[in-house]
Amino acid sequence: MTSTETSAVDDLGALAHRLSHPAATPCVCEAPRVLADRPDGTVVRSGTTVAKAHAPGTDREALAARIAVAADPRLAGILLPPLTAPASPAAPGPGTAVRGTRPPAASRPVTLWPYGEPVDPSDPQAAPWADAAVLLARLHRTPPPVPFPPMRGPAKAAEAVDRMRTALPGHPSALPVLAAWDALPAWARDETPAPGARGRFLCHGDLHLGQLVRHPAPDGPWLLIDVDDLGTGDPAWDLARPAAWYAAGLLPPEDWLTFLDAYRSAGGPAVPADGDPWPALDVPARALTVQTAALALVKCAAGQRDPDEPEALMLASCARIATSPPELATGPAS
């Protein structure tokens, strides 16, 4: 970890620690712990408080709008609400930048959250697919504020493809991924808005099991976290990652059906109430397949290794997509 990264982590740890432990409260907890440290965000926990430094270059106005939605009472029981820090320069409120002597943290917007217990990755049988689906359906049925930023799902897919192009210029392994990408409509490549009424729903934008926590920890109800990509868009995008995993053979059919049935039972608008869901899911599922495959190739190049089995399955899905007509390309792998 570089000195700049270390400074940002130290800033976040100190901030979370101060909020979790008022000056007069004895502290017997562990040292602040890094929960994530990626280009798109650094997350540090101290006690019951989590501090997140968002990506450099984050649109602060859009982030503030997203944080306000997370705090909206209409989203209670769906999105984890942010914490409001004490009014002091050293402890900012949601969506503001840290004011301190260390420029690394000061250059990035920081938000504060209560700690929630995440999904246990070692226990796939307990994965809360039905809970995730119900939360999504409730989110999609909530009217978004007007105006409100667009959901960033297509933008993240485009960023992943750009990263792959930079890391593997002209490499043969990237060609099927690029062919699958080029076959997508412009809105799925973040070149135009989502079409018509499909683009007017409130969407999470980056749904996966890492975006759920139990709050209060450790056994409260499940809530969605991470509003960085929240916005208006096609709600099918939020179903697209599990759909893509199912199509590639990574998600067991029973888990996919549990997720889909729960979403439909909760009145989710992304797919018809019955019948074939793939016409609605096809384009977003293809886009998430491309995004996943592109990032897999970037990781393989950085680690100088071959794709592992899940990565190879997503790359094979891209090859199918590149040579299959729409609505057939993402059907379950046989």
C-alpha atoms as a PDB file:
ATOM      1  CA  MET A   1       0.000   0.000   0.000  1.00  0.00           C
ATOM      2  CA  THR A   2       1.408   3.418  -0.951  1.00  0.00           C
ATOM      3  CA  SER A   3       1.825   6.266   1.532  1.00  0.00           C
ATOM      4  CA  THR A   4      -1.091   8.078  -0.117  1.00  0.00           C
ATOM      5  CA  GLU A   5      -3.341   5.014   0.273  1.00  0.00           C
ATOM      6  CA  THR A   6      -2.171   4.516   3.864  1.00  0.00           C
ATOM      7  CA  SER A   7      -2.984   8.133   4.697  1.00  0.00           C
ATOM      8  CA  ALA A   8      -6.494   7.841   3.271  1.00  0.00           C
ATOM      9  CA  VAL A   9      -7.127   4.644   5.252  1.00  0.00           C
ATOM     10  CA  ASP A  10      -5.802   6.274   8.441  1.00  0.00           C
ATOM     11  CA  ASP A  11      -8.079   9.283   7.879  1.00  0.00           C
ATOM     12  CA  LEU A  12     -11.124   7.076   7.461  1.00  0.00           C
ATOM     13  CA  GLY A  13     -10.268   4.952  10.486  1.00  0.00           C
ATOM     14  CA  ALA A  14      -9.859   8.011  12.692  1.00  0.00           C
ATOM     15  CA  LEU A  15     -13.120   9.487  11.445  1.00  0.00           C
ATOM     16  CA  ALA A  16     -15.112   6.297  12.017  1.00  0.00           C
ATOM     17  CA  HIS A  17     -13.480   5.855  15.414  1.00  0.00           C
ATOM     18  CA  ARG A  18     -14.434   9.371  16.560  1.00  0.00           C
ATOM     19  CA  LEU A  19     -18.042   8.879  15.535  1.00  0.00           C
ATOM     20  CA  SER A  20     -18.308   5.443  17.187  1.00  0.00           C
ATOM     21  CA  HIS A  21     -16.641   6.592  20.409  1.00  0.00           C
ATOM     22  CA  PRO A  22     -17.574   9.982  21.868  1.00  0.00           C
ATOM     23  CA  ALA A  23     -14.762  11.584  23.820  1.00  0.00           C
ATOM     24  CA  ALA A  24     -16.129  10.573  27.221  1.00  0.00           C
ATOM     25  CA  THR A  25     -16.721   6.938  26.219  1.00  0.00           C
ATOM     26  CA  PRO A  26     -14.022   4.381  27.132  1.00  0.00           C
ATOM     27  CA  CYS A  27     -12.728   2.544  24.080  1.00  0.00           C
ATOM     28  CA  VAL A  28     -12.029  -1.182  24.284  1.00  0.00           C
ATOM     29  CA  CYS A  29     -12.604  -2.035  20.624  1.00  0.00           C
ATOM     30  CA  GLU A  30     -10.194  -3.327  18.008  1.00  0.00           C
ATOM     31  CA  ALA A  31      -8.253  -0.979  15.780  1.00  0.00           C
ATOM     32  CA  PRO A  32     -10.085   0.317  12.684  1.00  0.00           C
ATOM     33  CA  ARG A  33     -10.317  -2.389  10.001  1.00  0.00           C
ATOM     34  CA  VAL A  34     -10.210  -1.995   6.222  1.00  0.00           C
ATOM     35  CA  LEU A  35     -13.283  -3.648   4.675  1.00  0.00           C
ATOM     36  CA  ALA A  36     -12.467  -2.725   1.067  1.00  0.00           C
ATOM     37  CA  ASP A  37      -9.764  -0.792  -0.738  1.00  0.00           C
ATOM     38  CA  ARG A  38     -10.411  -0.555  -4.469  1.00  0.00           C
ATOM     39  CA  PRO A  39     -10.144   2.196  -7.091  1.00  0.00           C
ATOM     40  CA  ASP A  40     -13.880   2.842  -6.748  1.00  0.00           C
ATOM     41  CA  GLY A  41     -13.847   3.204  -2.961  1.00  0.00           C
ATOM     42  CA  THR A  42     -12.036   2.660   0.331  1.00  0.00           C
ATOM     43  CA  VAL A  43     -14.144   1.461   3.268  1.00  0.00           C
ATOM     44  CA  VAL A  44     -12.957   1.347   6.902  1.00  0.00           C
ATOM     45  CA  ARG A  45     -14.850   0.189   9.988  1.00  0.00           C
ATOM     46  CA  SER A  46     -14.421   1.221  13.596  1.00  0.00           C
ATOM     47  CA  GLY A  47     -16.895  -0.214  16.075  1.00  0.00           C
ATOM     48  CA  THR A  48     -20.413   0.388  14.793  1.00  0.00           C
ATOM     49  CA  THR A  49     -19.400   3.007  12.216  1.00  0.00           C
ATOM     50  CA  VAL A  50     -18.196   2.617   8.634  1.00  0.00           C
ATOM     51  CA  ALA A  51     -16.476   5.431   6.733  1.00  0.00           C
ATOM     52  CA  LYS A  52     -16.255   5.318   2.945  1.00  0.00           C
ATOM     53  CA  ALA A  53     -14.007   7.427   0.733  1.00  0.00           C
ATOM     54  CA  HIS A  54     -15.575   7.419  -2.708  1.00  0.00           C
ATOM     55  CA  ALA A  55     -13.647   7.292  -5.956  1.00  0.00           C
ATOM     56  CA  PRO A  56     -11.565  10.284  -7.029  1.00  0.00           C
ATOM     57  CA  GLY A  57     -13.553  12.349  -9.499  1.00  0.00           C
ATOM     58  CA  THR A  58     -16.914  11.339  -8.016  1.00  0.00           C
ATOM     59  CA  ASP A  59     -19.711  13.706  -9.020  1.00  0.00           C
ATOM     60  CA  ARG A  60     -20.391  15.220  -5.600  1.00  0.00           C
ATOM     61  CA  GLU A  61     -23.754  16.689  -6.537  1.00  0.00           C
ATOM     62  CA  ALA A  62     -24.987  13.335  -7.844  1.00  0.00           C
ATOM     63  CA  LEU A  63     -23.602  11.550  -4.772  1.00  0.00           C
ATOM     64  CA  ALA A  64     -25.409  13.990  -2.472  1.00  0.00           C
ATOM     65  CA  ALA A  65     -28.673  13.272  -4.310  1.00  0.00           C
ATOM     66  CA  ARG A  66     -28.116   9.533  -3.902  1.00  0.00           C
ATOM     67  CA  ILE A  67     -27.308   9.875  -0.206  1.00  0.00           C
ATOM     68  CA  ALA A  68     -30.493  11.912   0.262  1.00  0.00           C
ATOM     69  CA  VAL A  69     -32.527   9.068  -1.270  1.00  0.00           C
ATOM     70  CA  ALA A  70     -30.865   6.548   1.061  1.00  0.00           C
ATOM     71  CA  ALA A  71     -32.007   8.740   3.964  1.00  0.00           C
ATOM     72  CA  ASP A  72     -35.550   9.173   2.574  1.00  0.00           C
ATOM     73  CA  PRO A  73     -38.160   7.558   4.873  1.00  0.00           C
ATOM     74  CA  ARG A  74     -39.797   6.007   1.795  1.00  0.00           C
ATOM     75  CA  LEU A  75     -36.696   3.825   1.405  1.00  0.00           C
ATOM     76  CA  ALA A  76     -36.641   2.724   5.052  1.00  0.00           C
ATOM     77  CA  GLY A  77     -36.295  -1.035   5.197  1.00  0.00           C
ATOM     78  CA  ILE A  78     -34.850  -1.118   1.660  1.00  0.00           C
ATOM     79  CA  LEU A  79     -31.629   0.930   1.683  1.00  0.00           C
ATOM     80  CA  LEU A  80     -29.228   1.230   4.610  1.00  0.00           C
ATOM     81  CA  PRO A  81     -29.568   4.872   5.729  1.00  0.00           C
ATOM     82  CA  PRO A  82     -26.460   7.034   6.174  1.00  0.00           C
ATOM     83  CA  LEU A  83     -25.284   8.368   9.492  1.00  0.00           C
ATOM     84  CA  THR A  84     -25.352  12.053  10.260  1.00  0.00           C
ATOM     85  CA  ALA A  85     -22.050  13.017  11.815  1.00  0.00           C
ATOM     86  CA  PRO A  86     -21.683  15.687  14.524  1.00  0.00           C
ATOM     87  CA  ALA A  87     -21.405  19.150  13.012  1.00  0.00           C
ATOM     88  CA  SER A  88     -17.665  19.716  13.093  1.00  0.00           C
ATOM     89  CA  PRO A  89     -14.986  20.177  10.437  1.00  0.00           C
ATOM     90  CA  ALA A  90     -13.359  16.873  11.443  1.00  0.00           C
ATOM     91  CA  ALA A  91     -16.550  14.833  11.206  1.00  0.00           C
ATOM     92  CA  PRO A  92     -18.468  15.676   8.012  1.00  0.00           C
ATOM     93  CA  GLY A  93     -22.017  14.861   7.173  1.00  0.00           C
ATOM     94  CA  PRO A  94     -22.945  12.517   4.327  1.00  0.00           C
ATOM     95  CA  GLY A  95     -21.613  13.412   0.916  1.00  0.00           C
ATOM     96  CA  THR A  96     -19.054  15.953   2.094  1.00  0.00           C
ATOM     97  CA  ALA A  97     -15.274  15.801   1.979  1.00  0.00           C
ATOM     98  CA  VAL A  98     -13.056  15.279   4.986  1.00  0.00           C
ATOM     99  CA  ARG A  99     -11.540  18.572   6.162  1.00  0.00           C
ATOM    100  CA  GLY A 100      -8.140  17.789   7.555  1.00  0.00           C
ATOM    101  CA  THR A 101      -4.442  18.130   7.041  1.00  0.00           C
ATOM    102  CA  ARG A 102      -4.061  15.033   4.894  1.00  0.00           C
ATOM    103  CA  PRO A 103      -4.803  15.742   1.241  1.00  0.00           C
ATOM    104  CA  PRO A 104      -5.469  12.119   0.117  1.00  0.00           C
ATOM    105  CA  ALA A 105      -8.721  11.852   2.079  1.00  0.00           C
ATOM    106  CA  ALA A 106      -9.575  15.525   1.635  1.00  0.00           C
ATOM    107  CA  SER A 107      -9.605  15.097  -2.149  1.00  0.00           C
ATOM    108  CA  ARG A 108     -12.371  12.447  -2.046  1.00  0.00           C
ATOM    109  CA  PRO A 109     -15.963  12.676  -0.817  1.00  0.00           C
ATOM    110  CA  VAL A 110     -16.529  10.687   2.378  1.00  0.00           C
ATOM    111  CA  THR A 111     -19.776   9.249   3.711  1.00  0.00           C
ATOM    112  CA  LEU A 112     -20.578   7.607   7.048  1.00  0.00           C
ATOM    113  CA  TRP A 113     -22.739   4.537   7.621  1.00  0.00           C
ATOM    114  CA  PRO A 114     -23.822   2.157  10.378  1.00  0.00           C
ATOM    115  CA  TYR A 115     -22.093  -1.206  10.269  1.00  0.00           C
ATOM    116  CA  GLY A 116     -24.142  -4.100   8.904  1.00  0.00           C
ATOM    117  CA  GLU A 117     -23.316  -7.807   8.871  1.00  0.00           C
ATOM    118  CA  PRO A 118     -22.501  -8.893   5.292  1.00  0.00           C
ATOM    119  CA  VAL A 119     -23.429 -12.086   3.477  1.00  0.00           C
ATOM    120  CA  ASP A 120     -21.173 -14.969   4.472  1.00  0.00           C
ATOM    121  CA  PRO A 121     -19.310 -15.967   1.274  1.00  0.00           C
ATOM    122  CA  SER A 122     -18.388 -19.333   2.800  1.00  0.00           C
ATOM    123  CA  ASP A 123     -22.044 -20.401   3.094  1.00  0.00           C
ATOM    124  CA  PRO A 124     -23.629 -20.290  -0.388  1.00  0.00           C
ATOM    125  CA  GLN A 125     -26.628 -22.287   0.821  1.00  0.00           C
ATOM    126  CA  ALA A 126     -27.598 -19.354   3.049  1.00  0.00           C
ATOM    127  CA  ALA A 127     -27.293 -16.720   0.304  1.00  0.00           C
ATOM    128  CA  PRO A 128     -30.344 -14.419   0.653  1.00  0.00           C
ATOM    129  CA  TRP A 129     -31.512 -14.516  -2.967  1.00  0.00           C
ATOM    130  CA  ALA A 130     -35.181 -14.160  -2.081  1.00  0.00           C
ATOM    131  CA  ASP A 131     -34.517 -11.240   0.279  1.00  0.00           C
ATOM    132  CA  ALA A 132     -32.422  -9.504  -2.378  1.00  0.00           C
ATOM    133  CA  ALA A 133     -35.200  -9.927  -4.926  1.00  0.00           C
ATOM    134  CA  VAL A 134     -37.884  -8.510  -2.627  1.00  0.00           C
ATOM    135  CA  LEU A 135     -35.710  -5.503  -1.769  1.00  0.00           C
ATOM    136  CA  LEU A 136     -35.128  -4.855  -5.473  1.00  0.00           C
ATOM    137  CA  ALA A 137     -38.832  -5.092  -6.256  1.00  0.00           C
ATOM    138  CA  ARG A 138     -39.616  -2.593  -3.503  1.00  0.00           C
ATOM    139  CA  LEU A 139     -36.848  -0.279  -4.710  1.00  0.00           C
ATOM    140  CA  HIS A 140     -38.084  -0.445  -8.304  1.00  0.00           C
ATOM    141  CA  ARG A 141     -41.640   0.362  -7.219  1.00  0.00           C
ATOM    142  CA  THR A 142     -40.517   3.532  -5.401  1.00  0.00           C
ATOM    143  CA  PRO A 143     -40.901   6.645  -7.582  1.00  0.00           C
ATOM    144  CA  PRO A 144     -37.517   8.385  -7.950  1.00  0.00           C
ATOM    145  CA  PRO A 145     -37.047  12.083  -7.251  1.00  0.00           C
ATOM    146  CA  VAL A 146     -37.210  14.381 -10.258  1.00  0.00           C
ATOM    147  CA  PRO A 147     -34.632  15.237 -11.409  1.00  0.00           C
ATOM    148  CA  PHE A 148     -32.335  12.383 -10.392  1.00  0.00           C
ATOM    149  CA  PRO A 149     -29.045  11.035 -11.832  1.00  0.00           C
ATOM    150  CA  PRO A 150     -29.130   8.047 -14.192  1.00  0.00           C
ATOM    151  CA  MET A 151     -28.295   4.606 -12.868  1.00  0.00           C
ATOM    152  CA  ARG A 152     -24.576   3.954 -13.476  1.00  0.00           C
ATOM    153  CA  GLY A 153     -24.798   0.298 -14.535  1.00  0.00           C
ATOM    154  CA  PRO A 154     -24.148   0.928 -18.245  1.00  0.00           C
ATOM    155  CA  ALA A 155     -21.364   3.387 -17.371  1.00  0.00           C
ATOM    156  CA  LYS A 156     -19.640   0.744 -15.239  1.00  0.00           C
ATOM    157  CA  ALA A 157     -19.847  -1.752 -18.092  1.00  0.00           C
ATOM    158  CA  ALA A 158     -18.297   0.783 -20.468  1.00  0.00           C
ATOM    159  CA  GLU A 159     -15.538   1.530 -17.957  1.00  0.00           C
ATOM    160  CA  ALA A 160     -14.758  -2.186 -17.662  1.00  0.00           C
ATOM    161  CA  VAL A 161     -14.423  -2.542 -21.428  1.00  0.00           C
ATOM    162  CA  ASP A 162     -12.174   0.538 -21.570  1.00  0.00           C
ATOM    163  CA  ARG A 163      -9.960  -0.969 -18.854  1.00  0.00           C
ATOM    164  CA  MET A 164      -9.689  -4.177 -20.856  1.00  0.00           C
ATOM    165  CA  ARG A 165      -8.795  -2.294 -24.033  1.00  0.00           C
ATOM    166  CA  THR A 166      -6.032  -0.481 -22.150  1.00  0.00           C
ATOM    167  CA  ALA A 167      -4.677  -3.591 -20.425  1.00  0.00           C
ATOM    168  CA  LEU A 168      -4.911  -5.908 -23.463  1.00  0.00           C
ATOM    169  CA  PRO A 169      -4.703  -3.842 -26.656  1.00  0.00           C
ATOM    170  CA  GLY A 170      -5.349  -6.114 -29.611  1.00  0.00           C
ATOM    171  CA  HIS A 171      -5.026  -9.295 -27.552  1.00  0.00           C
ATOM    172  CA  PRO A 172      -6.851 -12.310 -29.060  1.00  0.00           C
ATOM    173  CA  SER A 173      -8.548 -13.163 -25.743  1.00  0.00           C
ATOM    174  CA  ALA A 174     -10.292  -9.778 -25.767  1.00  0.00           C
ATOM    175  CA  LEU A 175     -11.756 -10.143 -29.253  1.00  0.00           C
ATOM    176  CA  PRO A 176     -14.884 -12.189 -28.304  1.00  0.00           C
ATOM    177  CA  VAL A 177     -15.562  -9.785 -25.442  1.00  0.00           C
ATOM    178  CA  LEU A 178     -15.325  -6.786 -27.768  1.00  0.00           C
ATOM    179  CA  ALA A 179     -17.506  -8.521 -30.351  1.00  0.00           C
ATOM    180  CA  ALA A 180     -20.183  -9.159 -27.707  1.00  0.00           C
ATOM    181  CA  TRP A 181     -19.898  -5.534 -26.576  1.00  0.00           C
ATOM    182  CA  ASP A 182     -20.244  -4.153 -30.089  1.00  0.00           C
ATOM    183  CA  ALA A 183     -23.427  -6.204 -30.567  1.00  0.00           C
ATOM    184  CA  LEU A 184     -25.166  -4.408 -27.701  1.00  0.00           C
ATOM    185  CA  PRO A 185     -27.538  -1.481 -28.314  1.00  0.00           C
ATOM    186  CA  ALA A 186     -26.206   2.013 -27.661  1.00  0.00           C
ATOM    187  CA  TRP A 187     -28.037   2.503 -24.345  1.00  0.00           C
ATOM    188  CA  ALA A 188     -26.423  -0.606 -22.833  1.00  0.00           C
ATOM    189  CA  ARG A 189     -23.014   0.778 -23.813  1.00  0.00           C
ATOM    190  CA  ASP A 190     -23.789   4.071 -22.026  1.00  0.00           C
ATOM    191  CA  GLU A 191     -24.002   6.004 -25.285  1.00  0.00           C
ATOM    192  CA  THR A 192     -27.691   6.983 -25.067  1.00  0.00           C
ATOM    193  CA  PRO A 193     -30.358   6.955 -22.320  1.00  0.00           C
ATOM    194  CA  ALA A 194     -32.395   3.823 -21.717  1.00  0.00           C
ATOM    195  CA  PRO A 195     -35.409   3.781 -24.034  1.00  0.00           C
ATOM    196  CA  GLY A 196     -38.820   5.106 -23.058  1.00  0.00           C
ATOM    197  CA  ALA A 197     -40.529   4.220 -19.814  1.00  0.00           C
ATOM    198  CA  ARG A 198     -37.971   1.445 -19.154  1.00  0.00           C
ATOM    199  CA  GLY A 199     -35.482   4.129 -18.174  1.00  0.00           C
ATOM    200  CA  ARG A 200     -37.606   5.805 -15.489  1.00  0.00           C
ATOM    201  CA  PHE A 201     -37.369   3.354 -12.582  1.00  0.00           C
ATOM    202  CA  LEU A 202     -35.280   3.759  -9.443  1.00  0.00           C
ATOM    203  CA  CYS A 203     -32.477   1.195  -9.761  1.00  0.00           C
ATOM    204  CA  HIS A 204     -29.577   0.083  -7.592  1.00  0.00           C
ATOM    205  CA  GLY A 205     -27.181  -0.173 -10.526  1.00  0.00           C
ATOM    206  CA  ASP A 206     -24.712  -2.744  -9.157  1.00  0.00           C
ATOM    207  CA  LEU A 207     -26.639  -5.560  -7.516  1.00  0.00           C
ATOM    208  CA  HIS A 208     -24.716  -8.543  -6.170  1.00  0.00           C
ATOM    209  CA  LEU A 209     -24.721 -10.352  -2.816  1.00  0.00           C
ATOM    210  CA  GLY A 210     -21.938  -8.119  -1.508  1.00  0.00           C
ATOM    211  CA  GLN A 211     -24.462  -5.281  -1.587  1.00  0.00           C
ATOM    212  CA  LEU A 212     -26.568  -6.702   1.222  1.00  0.00           C
ATOM    213  CA  VAL A 213     -26.065  -6.455   4.976  1.00  0.00           C
ATOM    214  CA  ARG A 214     -28.058  -7.268   8.085  1.00  0.00           C
ATOM    215  CA  HIS A 215     -28.756  -4.178  10.158  1.00  0.00           C
ATOM    216  CA  PRO A 216     -28.730  -3.955  13.093  1.00  0.00           C
ATOM    217  CA  ALA A 217     -25.864  -6.453  13.049  1.00  0.00           C
ATOM    218  CA  PRO A 218     -25.656  -9.361  13.318  1.00  0.00           C
ATOM    219  CA  ASP A 219     -29.212 -10.579  12.706  1.00  0.00           C
ATOM    220  CA  GLY A 220     -31.343  -7.601  11.679  1.00  0.00           C
ATOM    221  CA  PRO A 221     -33.262  -7.545   8.399  1.00  0.00           C
ATOM    222  CA  TRP A 222     -31.389  -7.496   5.101  1.00  0.00           C
ATOM    223  CA  LEU A 223     -30.855  -4.087   3.515  1.00  0.00           C
ATOM    224  CA  LEU A 224     -29.229  -2.912   0.294  1.00  0.00           C
ATOM    225  CA  ILE A 225     -26.022  -0.888   0.574  1.00  0.00           C
ATOM    226  CA  ASP A 226     -23.737   1.134  -1.738  1.00  0.00           C
ATOM    227  CA  VAL A 227     -25.692   3.882  -3.483  1.00  0.00           C
ATOM    228  CA  ASP A 228     -22.804   5.010  -5.716  1.00  0.00           C
ATOM    229  CA  ASP A 229     -24.593   3.688  -8.816  1.00  0.00           C
ATOM    230  CA  LEU A 230     -28.193   4.370  -7.720  1.00  0.00           C
ATOM    231  CA  GLY A 231     -30.315   6.187 -10.292  1.00  0.00           C
ATOM    232  CA  THR A 232     -33.047   6.022 -12.883  1.00  0.00           C
ATOM    233  CA  GLY A 233     -32.846   3.334 -15.528  1.00  0.00           C
ATOM    234  CA  ASP A 234     -34.090  -0.031 -16.732  1.00  0.00           C
ATOM    235  CA  PRO A 235     -34.878  -2.171 -13.660  1.00  0.00           C
ATOM    236  CA  ALA A 236     -33.873  -5.304 -15.578  1.00  0.00           C
ATOM    237  CA  TRP A 237     -30.272  -4.189 -15.054  1.00  0.00           C
ATOM    238  CA  ASP A 238     -30.552  -5.059 -11.364  1.00  0.00           C
ATOM    239  CA  LEU A 239     -31.568  -8.630 -12.255  1.00  0.00           C
ATOM    240  CA  ALA A 240     -28.911  -8.937 -14.933  1.00  0.00           C
ATOM    241  CA  ARG A 241     -25.940 -10.173 -12.903  1.00  0.00           C
ATOM    242  CA  PRO A 242     -27.718 -13.215 -11.395  1.00  0.00           C
ATOM    243  CA  ALA A 243     -29.317 -13.795 -14.816  1.00  0.00           C
ATOM    244  CA  ALA A 244     -25.894 -13.752 -16.464  1.00  0.00           C
ATOM    245  CA  TRP A 245     -24.465 -16.083 -13.825  1.00  0.00           C
ATOM    246  CA  TYR A 246     -27.357 -18.484 -14.324  1.00  0.00           C
ATOM    247  CA  ALA A 247     -26.921 -18.376 -18.094  1.00  0.00           C
ATOM    248  CA  ALA A 248     -23.202 -19.098 -17.758  1.00  0.00           C
ATOM    249  CA  GLY A 249     -23.762 -22.000 -15.375  1.00  0.00           C
ATOM    250  CA  LEU A 250     -22.391 -20.213 -12.298  1.00  0.00           C
ATOM    251  CA  LEU A 251     -25.704 -19.851 -10.450  1.00  0.00           C
ATOM    252  CA  PRO A 252     -27.701 -23.039  -9.768  1.00  0.00           C
ATOM    253  CA  PRO A 253     -31.146 -23.093 -11.417  1.00  0.00           C
ATOM    254  CA  GLU A 254     -32.858 -23.391  -8.028  1.00  0.00           C
ATOM    255  CA  ASP A 255     -31.203 -20.194  -6.792  1.00  0.00           C
ATOM    256  CA  TRP A 256     -32.103 -18.332  -9.978  1.00  0.00           C
ATOM    257  CA  LEU A 257     -35.737 -19.472  -9.754  1.00  0.00           C
ATOM    258  CA  THR A 258     -35.878 -18.521  -6.068  1.00  0.00           C
ATOM    259  CA  PHE A 259     -34.645 -15.041  -6.955  1.00  0.00           C
ATOM    260  CA  LEU A 260     -36.938 -14.623  -9.978  1.00  0.00           C
ATOM    261  CA  ASP A 261     -40.041 -15.979  -8.243  1.00  0.00           C
ATOM    262  CA  ALA A 262     -39.519 -13.770  -5.195  1.00  0.00           C
ATOM    263  CA  TYR A 263     -39.082 -10.705  -7.403  1.00  0.00           C
ATOM    264  CA  ARG A 264     -42.258 -11.461  -9.319  1.00  0.00           C
ATOM    265  CA  SER A 265     -44.234 -12.228  -6.160  1.00  0.00           C
ATOM    266  CA  ALA A 266     -43.197  -8.838  -4.752  1.00  0.00           C
ATOM    267  CA  GLY A 267     -44.541  -7.052  -7.829  1.00  0.00           C
ATOM    268  CA  GLY A 268     -41.220  -6.156  -9.403  1.00  0.00           C
ATOM    269  CA  PRO A 269     -41.687  -4.344 -12.753  1.00  0.00           C
ATOM    270  CA  ALA A 270     -38.493  -5.502 -14.520  1.00  0.00           C
ATOM    271  CA  VAL A 271     -40.041  -8.671 -15.965  1.00  0.00           C
ATOM    272  CA  PRO A 272     -43.593  -9.838 -16.754  1.00  0.00           C
ATOM    273  CA  ALA A 273     -45.510 -11.387 -13.866  1.00  0.00           C
ATOM    274  CA  ASP A 274     -45.340 -14.744 -15.617  1.00  0.00           C
ATOM    275  CA  GLY A 275     -43.993 -16.299 -18.780  1.00  0.00           C
ATOM    276  CA  ASP A 276     -40.537 -15.968 -20.311  1.00  0.00           C
ATOM    277  CA  PRO A 277     -38.402 -13.296 -18.556  1.00  0.00           C
ATOM    278  CA  TRP A 278     -35.556 -13.349 -21.101  1.00  0.00           C
ATOM    279  CA  PRO A 279     -36.884 -10.794 -23.596  1.00  0.00           C
ATOM    280  CA  ALA A 280     -36.674  -8.197 -20.798  1.00  0.00           C
ATOM    281  CA  LEU A 281     -33.398  -9.480 -19.360  1.00  0.00           C
ATOM    282  CA  ASP A 282     -31.502 -10.274 -22.542  1.00  0.00           C
ATOM    283  CA  VAL A 283     -29.657  -7.008 -23.202  1.00  0.00           C
ATOM    284  CA  PRO A 284     -28.740  -6.208 -19.572  1.00  0.00           C
ATOM    285  CA  ALA A 285     -27.611  -9.801 -18.974  1.00  0.00           C
ATOM    286  CA  ARG A 286     -25.396  -9.658 -22.050  1.00  0.00           C
ATOM    287  CA  ALA A 287     -23.931  -6.344 -20.876  1.00  0.00           C
ATOM    288  CA  LEU A 288     -23.158  -7.730 -17.406  1.00  0.00           C
ATOM    289  CA  THR A 289     -21.574 -10.796 -19.013  1.00  0.00           C
ATOM    290  CA  VAL A 290     -19.284  -8.544 -21.031  1.00  0.00           C
ATOM    291  CA  GLN A 291     -18.467  -6.410 -17.988  1.00  0.00           C
ATOM    292  CA  THR A 292     -17.586  -9.455 -15.892  1.00  0.00           C
ATOM    293  CA  ALA A 293     -15.496 -11.021 -18.644  1.00  0.00           C
ATOM    294  CA  ALA A 294     -13.634  -7.766 -19.341  1.00  0.00           C
ATOM    295  CA  LEU A 295     -12.714  -7.315 -15.687  1.00  0.00           C
ATOM    296  CA  ALA A 296     -11.677 -10.972 -15.496  1.00  0.00           C
ATOM    297  CA  LEU A 297      -9.204 -10.440 -18.336  1.00  0.00           C
ATOM    298  CA  VAL A 298      -7.845  -7.311 -16.646  1.00  0.00           C
ATOM    299  CA  LYS A 299      -7.255  -9.284 -13.434  1.00  0.00           C
ATOM    300  CA  CYS A 300      -5.641 -12.146 -15.329  1.00  0.00           C
ATOM    301  CA  ALA A 301      -3.303  -9.746 -17.111  1.00  0.00           C
ATOM    302  CA  ALA A 302      -2.352  -8.033 -13.855  1.00  0.00           C
ATOM    303  CA  GLY A 303      -1.711 -11.381 -12.147  1.00  0.00           C
ATOM    304  CA  GLN A 304      -0.052 -12.941 -15.200  1.00  0.00           C
ATOM    305  CA  ARG A 305      -2.300 -15.978 -14.939  1.00  0.00           C
ATOM    306  CA  ASP A 306      -4.878 -17.899 -16.936  1.00  0.00           C
ATOM    307  CA  PRO A 307      -8.598 -17.473 -16.248  1.00  0.00           C
ATOM    308  CA  ASP A 308     -10.005 -19.639 -13.473  1.00  0.00           C
ATOM    309  CA  GLU A 309     -13.135 -21.726 -14.025  1.00  0.00           C
ATOM    310  CA  PRO A 310     -15.763 -19.029 -13.277  1.00  0.00           C
ATOM    311  CA  GLU A 311     -13.854 -16.508 -15.415  1.00  0.00           C
ATOM    312  CA  ALA A 312     -13.570 -19.025 -18.247  1.00  0.00           C
ATOM    313  CA  LEU A 313     -17.326 -19.617 -18.133  1.00  0.00           C
ATOM    314  CA  MET A 314     -18.021 -15.878 -18.496  1.00  0.00           C
ATOM    315  CA  LEU A 315     -15.568 -15.645 -21.391  1.00  0.00           C
ATOM    316  CA  ALA A 316     -17.285 -18.594 -23.065  1.00  0.00           C
ATOM    317  CA  SER A 317     -20.615 -16.799 -22.610  1.00  0.00           C
ATOM    318  CA  CYS A 318     -19.175 -13.798 -24.459  1.00  0.00           C
ATOM    319  CA  ALA A 319     -18.189 -16.042 -27.338  1.00  0.00           C
ATOM    320  CA  ARG A 320     -21.777 -17.354 -27.491  1.00  0.00           C
ATOM    321  CA  ILE A 321     -23.175 -13.828 -27.324  1.00  0.00           C
ATOM    322  CA  ALA A 322     -20.956 -12.655 -30.171  1.00  0.00           C
ATOM    323  CA  THR A 323     -22.323 -15.343 -32.498  1.00  0.00           C
ATOM    324  CA  SER A 324     -25.954 -15.632 -31.300  1.00  0.00           C
ATOM    325  CA  PRO A 325     -28.996 -13.480 -32.077  1.00  0.00           C
ATOM    326  CA  PRO A 326     -30.571 -11.445 -29.262  1.00  0.00           C
ATOM    327  CA  GLU A 327     -32.723 -13.361 -26.740  1.00  0.00           C
ATOM    328  CA  LEU A 328     -30.819 -16.550 -27.558  1.00  0.00           C
ATOM    329  CA  ALA A 329     -27.346 -15.456 -26.552  1.00  0.00           C
ATOM    330  CA  THR A 330     -28.019 -15.440 -22.816  1.00  0.00           C
ATOM    331  CA  GLY A 331     -30.231 -18.494 -22.540  1.00  0.00           C
ATOM    332  CA  PRO A 332     -29.019 -21.000 -19.929  1.00  0.00           C
ATOM    333  CA  ALA A 333     -25.861 -22.817 -20.937  1.00  0.00           C
ATOM    334  CA  SER A 334     -26.592 -26.439 -21.740  1.00  0.00           C
END
